[in-house]
């Protein structure tokens, strides 16, 4: 049994999309920043950092976007979200996930000028980050989605990422996740 703790629009959006992509049944547990849900003792018992996401797998919590996406891709290989039987390609996926978490994610808080330096060039003209759709694209999409909403770049600022974003928006799992998260309501911290 999977139980998924998420806050709409936060980093947890990426594994939320991943859950819909793999088609795994899960119990959704929306969390509210405004109501202090992430600081409640029962949640801190699952995730000591008091962050989302947390995926509880048969009673055991797994945290961090990259780890949850990796778990979903490996646990549900039929979804094709991770290269199969190719350690180098899998290493490239982990490299991308690390880059997104350690370089792109913090770039957002440093402002649009800094984001321009590191953001669009790594994807380049590739349709998908690894050459085919994967967990990397899910993680990349969520971050770009957040930058569009928070920094509001001028159209054309990130042409490669905009193309990627538009492709992602056509995916049923993305549409379903956005629909659910909008219905719960966004209350992202600054």
C-alpha atoms as a PDB file:
ATOM      1  CA  UNK A   1       0.000   0.000   0.000  1.00  0.00           C
ATOM      2  CA  UNK A   2       1.261   3.461  -0.944  1.00  0.00           C
ATOM      3  CA  UNK A   3       0.308   6.647   0.890  1.00  0.00           C
ATOM      4  CA  UNK A   4       1.450   9.936  -0.618  1.00  0.00           C
ATOM      5  CA  UNK A   5       1.836  13.144   1.390  1.00  0.00           C
ATOM      6  CA  UNK A   6       1.967  16.225  -0.835  1.00  0.00           C
ATOM      7  CA  UNK A   7       1.380  19.974  -0.842  1.00  0.00           C
ATOM      8  CA  UNK A   8      -0.106  21.234  -4.117  1.00  0.00           C
ATOM      9  CA  UNK A   9       2.404  22.967  -6.373  1.00  0.00           C
ATOM     10  CA  UNK A  10       5.395  22.176  -4.162  1.00  0.00           C
ATOM     11  CA  UNK A  11       8.237  19.850  -5.108  1.00  0.00           C
ATOM     12  CA  UNK A  12       5.890  16.979  -4.305  1.00  0.00           C
ATOM     13  CA  UNK A  13       4.164  17.667  -7.640  1.00  0.00           C
ATOM     14  CA  UNK A  14       6.884  15.671  -9.434  1.00  0.00           C
ATOM     15  CA  UNK A  15       6.305  12.363  -7.592  1.00  0.00           C
ATOM     16  CA  UNK A  16       2.566  13.047  -7.759  1.00  0.00           C
ATOM     17  CA  UNK A  17       2.903  13.055 -11.557  1.00  0.00           C
ATOM     18  CA  UNK A  18       5.101   9.950 -11.292  1.00  0.00           C
ATOM     19  CA  UNK A  19       2.413   8.095  -9.357  1.00  0.00           C
ATOM     20  CA  UNK A  20      -0.110   8.877 -12.090  1.00  0.00           C
ATOM     21  CA  UNK A  21       2.377   7.888 -14.806  1.00  0.00           C
ATOM     22  CA  UNK A  22       2.986   4.439 -13.313  1.00  0.00           C
ATOM     23  CA  UNK A  23      -0.696   3.925 -12.541  1.00  0.00           C
ATOM     24  CA  UNK A  24      -0.040   2.737  -8.999  1.00  0.00           C
ATOM     25  CA  UNK A  25      -2.967   2.886  -6.584  1.00  0.00           C
ATOM     26  CA  UNK A  26      -2.182   5.226  -3.708  1.00  0.00           C
ATOM     27  CA  UNK A  27      -3.893   7.061  -0.906  1.00  0.00           C
ATOM     28  CA  UNK A  28      -3.395  10.823  -1.350  1.00  0.00           C
ATOM     29  CA  UNK A  29      -2.768  12.906   1.766  1.00  0.00           C
ATOM     30  CA  UNK A  30      -2.787  16.618   0.900  1.00  0.00           C
ATOM     31  CA  UNK A  31      -0.858  18.782   3.355  1.00  0.00           C
ATOM     32  CA  UNK A  32      -1.354  22.463   4.129  1.00  0.00           C
ATOM     33  CA  UNK A  33       1.502  24.876   4.791  1.00  0.00           C
ATOM     34  CA  UNK A  34      -0.995  27.415   6.120  1.00  0.00           C
ATOM     35  CA  UNK A  35      -2.491  24.969   8.640  1.00  0.00           C
ATOM     36  CA  UNK A  36       0.923  23.787   9.851  1.00  0.00           C
ATOM     37  CA  UNK A  37       0.375  20.201   8.694  1.00  0.00           C
ATOM     38  CA  UNK A  38       4.083  19.666   8.007  1.00  0.00           C
ATOM     39  CA  UNK A  39       4.976  20.553  11.618  1.00  0.00           C
ATOM     40  CA  UNK A  40       2.484  18.249  13.297  1.00  0.00           C
ATOM     41  CA  UNK A  41       4.104  15.510  15.428  1.00  0.00           C
ATOM     42  CA  UNK A  42       2.432  12.683  13.503  1.00  0.00           C
ATOM     43  CA  UNK A  43       3.885  13.981  10.223  1.00  0.00           C
ATOM     44  CA  UNK A  44       7.306  14.700  11.726  1.00  0.00           C
ATOM     45  CA  UNK A  45       7.359  11.058  12.819  1.00  0.00           C
ATOM     46  CA  UNK A  46       7.290  10.167   9.092  1.00  0.00           C
ATOM     47  CA  UNK A  47       9.501  12.971   7.798  1.00  0.00           C
ATOM     48  CA  UNK A  48      11.752  14.603  10.402  1.00  0.00           C
ATOM     49  CA  UNK A  49      12.553  17.489   8.082  1.00  0.00           C
ATOM     50  CA  UNK A  50       8.868  18.427   7.924  1.00  0.00           C
ATOM     51  CA  UNK A  51       8.948  18.663   4.126  1.00  0.00           C
ATOM     52  CA  UNK A  52       7.000  17.127   1.305  1.00  0.00           C
ATOM     53  CA  UNK A  53       6.968  14.764  -0.436  1.00  0.00           C
ATOM     54  CA  UNK A  54       6.749  11.640   1.642  1.00  0.00           C
ATOM     55  CA  UNK A  55       5.720   8.334   0.123  1.00  0.00           C
ATOM     56  CA  UNK A  56       4.847   5.703   2.697  1.00  0.00           C
ATOM     57  CA  UNK A  57       5.467   2.218   1.312  1.00  0.00           C
ATOM     58  CA  UNK A  58       3.856  -0.486   3.425  1.00  0.00           C
ATOM     59  CA  UNK A  59       4.375   1.654   6.535  1.00  0.00           C
ATOM     60  CA  UNK A  60       7.929   2.789   5.689  1.00  0.00           C
ATOM     61  CA  UNK A  61       8.489   6.433   4.663  1.00  0.00           C
ATOM     62  CA  UNK A  62      10.563   7.434   1.668  1.00  0.00           C
ATOM     63  CA  UNK A  63      11.392  11.123   1.222  1.00  0.00           C
ATOM     64  CA  UNK A  64      12.967  13.408  -1.397  1.00  0.00           C
ATOM     65  CA  UNK A  65      11.723  13.906  -4.942  1.00  0.00           C
ATOM     66  CA  UNK A  66      14.562  12.096  -6.711  1.00  0.00           C
ATOM     67  CA  UNK A  67      14.376   9.079  -4.413  1.00  0.00           C
ATOM     68  CA  UNK A  68      10.617   8.711  -4.812  1.00  0.00           C
ATOM     69  CA  UNK A  69      10.777   9.100  -8.595  1.00  0.00           C
ATOM     70  CA  UNK A  70      13.605   6.555  -8.748  1.00  0.00           C
ATOM     71  CA  UNK A  71      11.629   4.131  -6.568  1.00  0.00           C
ATOM     72  CA  UNK A  72       8.531   4.474  -8.772  1.00  0.00           C
ATOM     73  CA  UNK A  73      10.541   3.957 -11.964  1.00  0.00           C
ATOM     74  CA  UNK A  74      12.257   0.845 -10.580  1.00  0.00           C
ATOM     75  CA  UNK A  75       9.172  -0.575  -8.848  1.00  0.00           C
ATOM     76  CA  UNK A  76       6.976  -0.131 -11.937  1.00  0.00           C
ATOM     77  CA  UNK A  77       9.343  -0.767 -14.870  1.00  0.00           C
ATOM     78  CA  UNK A  78       6.492  -1.283 -17.354  1.00  0.00           C
ATOM     79  CA  UNK A  79       5.887   2.481 -17.233  1.00  0.00           C
ATOM     80  CA  UNK A  80       9.275   2.972 -18.919  1.00  0.00           C
ATOM     81  CA  UNK A  81      10.345   5.919 -16.750  1.00  0.00           C
ATOM     82  CA  UNK A  82      13.967   4.819 -16.427  1.00  0.00           C
ATOM     83  CA  UNK A  83      16.370   3.296 -18.956  1.00  0.00           C
ATOM     84  CA  UNK A  84      16.354  -0.470 -18.632  1.00  0.00           C
ATOM     85  CA  UNK A  85      19.443  -2.689 -18.444  1.00  0.00           C
ATOM     86  CA  UNK A  86      21.736   0.254 -19.203  1.00  0.00           C
ATOM     87  CA  UNK A  87      23.814   1.335 -16.194  1.00  0.00           C
ATOM     88  CA  UNK A  88      25.302   4.307 -18.065  1.00  0.00           C
ATOM     89  CA  UNK A  89      21.872   5.658 -19.063  1.00  0.00           C
ATOM     90  CA  UNK A  90      20.640   5.109 -15.517  1.00  0.00           C
ATOM     91  CA  UNK A  91      23.703   7.010 -14.291  1.00  0.00           C
ATOM     92  CA  UNK A  92      22.784   9.859 -16.655  1.00  0.00           C
ATOM     93  CA  UNK A  93      19.310   9.922 -15.103  1.00  0.00           C
ATOM     94  CA  UNK A  94      20.822  10.202 -11.628  1.00  0.00           C
ATOM     95  CA  UNK A  95      23.196  12.902 -12.877  1.00  0.00           C
ATOM     96  CA  UNK A  96      20.254  14.920 -14.196  1.00  0.00           C
ATOM     97  CA  UNK A  97      18.268  14.428 -10.982  1.00  0.00           C
ATOM     98  CA  UNK A  98      21.259  15.612  -8.925  1.00  0.00           C
ATOM     99  CA  UNK A  99      21.747  18.626 -11.221  1.00  0.00           C
ATOM    100  CA  UNK A 100      18.083  19.568 -10.903  1.00  0.00           C
ATOM    101  CA  UNK A 101      18.125  19.308  -7.101  1.00  0.00           C
ATOM    102  CA  UNK A 102      21.520  20.889  -6.429  1.00  0.00           C
ATOM    103  CA  UNK A 103      21.888  23.468  -9.216  1.00  0.00           C
ATOM    104  CA  UNK A 104      18.547  24.312 -10.800  1.00  0.00           C
ATOM    105  CA  UNK A 105      16.367  24.254  -7.710  1.00  0.00           C
ATOM    106  CA  UNK A 106      18.518  26.699  -5.702  1.00  0.00           C
ATOM    107  CA  UNK A 107      18.960  28.900  -8.804  1.00  0.00           C
ATOM    108  CA  UNK A 108      15.302  29.920  -8.539  1.00  0.00           C
ATOM    109  CA  UNK A 109      15.828  31.755  -5.252  1.00  0.00           C
ATOM    110  CA  UNK A 110      18.821  33.644  -6.703  1.00  0.00           C
ATOM    111  CA  UNK A 111      16.621  35.304  -9.320  1.00  0.00           C
ATOM    112  CA  UNK A 112      15.938  35.186 -13.010  1.00  0.00           C
ATOM    113  CA  UNK A 113      19.378  36.423 -14.124  1.00  0.00           C
ATOM    114  CA  UNK A 114      21.104  33.537 -12.364  1.00  0.00           C
ATOM    115  CA  UNK A 115      18.521  31.064 -13.625  1.00  0.00           C
ATOM    116  CA  UNK A 116      19.258  32.148 -17.215  1.00  0.00           C
ATOM    117  CA  UNK A 117      22.916  31.195 -16.771  1.00  0.00           C
ATOM    118  CA  UNK A 118      22.300  27.570 -15.752  1.00  0.00           C
ATOM    119  CA  UNK A 119      18.820  26.645 -16.797  1.00  0.00           C
ATOM    120  CA  UNK A 120      18.009  26.243 -20.485  1.00  0.00           C
ATOM    121  CA  UNK A 121      21.313  25.076 -21.942  1.00  0.00           C
ATOM    122  CA  UNK A 122      21.543  21.604 -20.375  1.00  0.00           C
ATOM    123  CA  UNK A 123      18.312  20.423 -22.030  1.00  0.00           C
ATOM    124  CA  UNK A 124      19.364  21.931 -25.355  1.00  0.00           C
ATOM    125  CA  UNK A 125      17.333  20.894 -28.390  1.00  0.00           C
ATOM    126  CA  UNK A 126      16.555  17.439 -26.983  1.00  0.00           C
ATOM    127  CA  UNK A 127      12.907  16.488 -26.961  1.00  0.00           C
ATOM    128  CA  UNK A 128      13.397  14.709 -23.623  1.00  0.00           C
ATOM    129  CA  UNK A 129      16.290  15.002 -21.169  1.00  0.00           C
ATOM    130  CA  UNK A 130      17.524  11.417 -21.721  1.00  0.00           C
ATOM    131  CA  UNK A 131      16.386  11.152 -25.320  1.00  0.00           C
ATOM    132  CA  UNK A 132      13.095   9.512 -24.257  1.00  0.00           C
ATOM    133  CA  UNK A 133      10.545  10.366 -21.590  1.00  0.00           C
ATOM    134  CA  UNK A 134      11.720   9.587 -18.054  1.00  0.00           C
ATOM    135  CA  UNK A 135      11.606  10.580 -14.394  1.00  0.00           C
ATOM    136  CA  UNK A 136      14.085  13.334 -15.261  1.00  0.00           C
ATOM    137  CA  UNK A 137      11.473  15.068 -17.418  1.00  0.00           C
ATOM    138  CA  UNK A 138       8.951  14.924 -14.584  1.00  0.00           C
ATOM    139  CA  UNK A 139      11.414  16.508 -12.152  1.00  0.00           C
ATOM    140  CA  UNK A 140      12.522  19.144 -14.679  1.00  0.00           C
ATOM    141  CA  UNK A 141       8.929  20.021 -15.570  1.00  0.00           C
ATOM    142  CA  UNK A 142       7.882  20.701 -11.992  1.00  0.00           C
ATOM    143  CA  UNK A 143      10.791  23.050 -11.410  1.00  0.00           C
ATOM    144  CA  UNK A 144      10.148  24.958 -14.633  1.00  0.00           C
ATOM    145  CA  UNK A 145       6.426  25.095 -13.770  1.00  0.00           C
ATOM    146  CA  UNK A 146       7.356  26.740 -10.453  1.00  0.00           C
ATOM    147  CA  UNK A 147       9.756  29.211 -12.086  1.00  0.00           C
ATOM    148  CA  UNK A 148       7.058  30.233 -14.557  1.00  0.00           C
ATOM    149  CA  UNK A 149       4.721  30.976 -11.651  1.00  0.00           C
ATOM    150  CA  UNK A 150       7.168  32.602  -9.249  1.00  0.00           C
ATOM    151  CA  UNK A 151       9.710  34.490 -11.392  1.00  0.00           C
ATOM    152  CA  UNK A 152       7.397  35.061 -14.368  1.00  0.00           C
ATOM    153  CA  UNK A 153      10.059  35.141 -17.103  1.00  0.00           C
ATOM    154  CA  UNK A 154       9.276  36.905 -20.361  1.00  0.00           C
ATOM    155  CA  UNK A 155       8.098  34.588 -23.146  1.00  0.00           C
ATOM    156  CA  UNK A 156      11.098  33.214 -25.019  1.00  0.00           C
ATOM    157  CA  UNK A 157      13.454  33.396 -22.019  1.00  0.00           C
ATOM    158  CA  UNK A 158      13.816  29.609 -21.918  1.00  0.00           C
ATOM    159  CA  UNK A 159      12.859  28.334 -25.391  1.00  0.00           C
ATOM    160  CA  UNK A 160      14.061  24.756 -24.817  1.00  0.00           C
ATOM    161  CA  UNK A 161      12.357  24.456 -21.461  1.00  0.00           C
ATOM    162  CA  UNK A 162       9.190  26.074 -22.784  1.00  0.00           C
ATOM    163  CA  UNK A 163       9.040  23.460 -25.543  1.00  0.00           C
ATOM    164  CA  UNK A 164       9.608  20.750 -22.911  1.00  0.00           C
ATOM    165  CA  UNK A 165       6.923  22.301 -20.663  1.00  0.00           C
ATOM    166  CA  UNK A 166       4.417  22.347 -23.525  1.00  0.00           C
ATOM    167  CA  UNK A 167       5.099  18.649 -24.276  1.00  0.00           C
ATOM    168  CA  UNK A 168       4.672  17.779 -20.609  1.00  0.00           C
ATOM    169  CA  UNK A 169       1.384  19.679 -20.380  1.00  0.00           C
ATOM    170  CA  UNK A 170      -0.066  17.305 -22.992  1.00  0.00           C
ATOM    171  CA  UNK A 171       0.620  14.221 -20.851  1.00  0.00           C
ATOM    172  CA  UNK A 172      -2.507  12.805 -19.140  1.00  0.00           C
ATOM    173  CA  UNK A 173      -0.599  12.211 -15.870  1.00  0.00           C
ATOM    174  CA  UNK A 174       0.421  15.889 -15.752  1.00  0.00           C
ATOM    175  CA  UNK A 175      -3.103  17.063 -16.553  1.00  0.00           C
ATOM    176  CA  UNK A 176      -4.578  14.780 -13.872  1.00  0.00           C
ATOM    177  CA  UNK A 177      -2.061  15.914 -11.239  1.00  0.00           C
ATOM    178  CA  UNK A 178      -2.636  19.606 -11.974  1.00  0.00           C
ATOM    179  CA  UNK A 179      -6.398  19.079 -11.829  1.00  0.00           C
ATOM    180  CA  UNK A 180      -6.157  17.388  -8.404  1.00  0.00           C
ATOM    181  CA  UNK A 181      -3.712  19.919  -6.990  1.00  0.00           C
ATOM    182  CA  UNK A 182      -5.762  22.907  -8.225  1.00  0.00           C
ATOM    183  CA  UNK A 183      -8.861  21.413  -6.578  1.00  0.00           C
ATOM    184  CA  UNK A 184      -7.026  21.057  -3.249  1.00  0.00           C
ATOM    185  CA  UNK A 185      -5.622  24.588  -3.617  1.00  0.00           C
ATOM    186  CA  UNK A 186      -2.164  26.105  -3.949  1.00  0.00           C
ATOM    187  CA  UNK A 187      -0.545  27.806  -0.980  1.00  0.00           C
ATOM    188  CA  UNK A 188       3.119  27.731  -1.881  1.00  0.00           C
ATOM    189  CA  UNK A 189       5.580  29.397   0.471  1.00  0.00           C
ATOM    190  CA  UNK A 190       7.542  32.303  -1.003  1.00  0.00           C
END
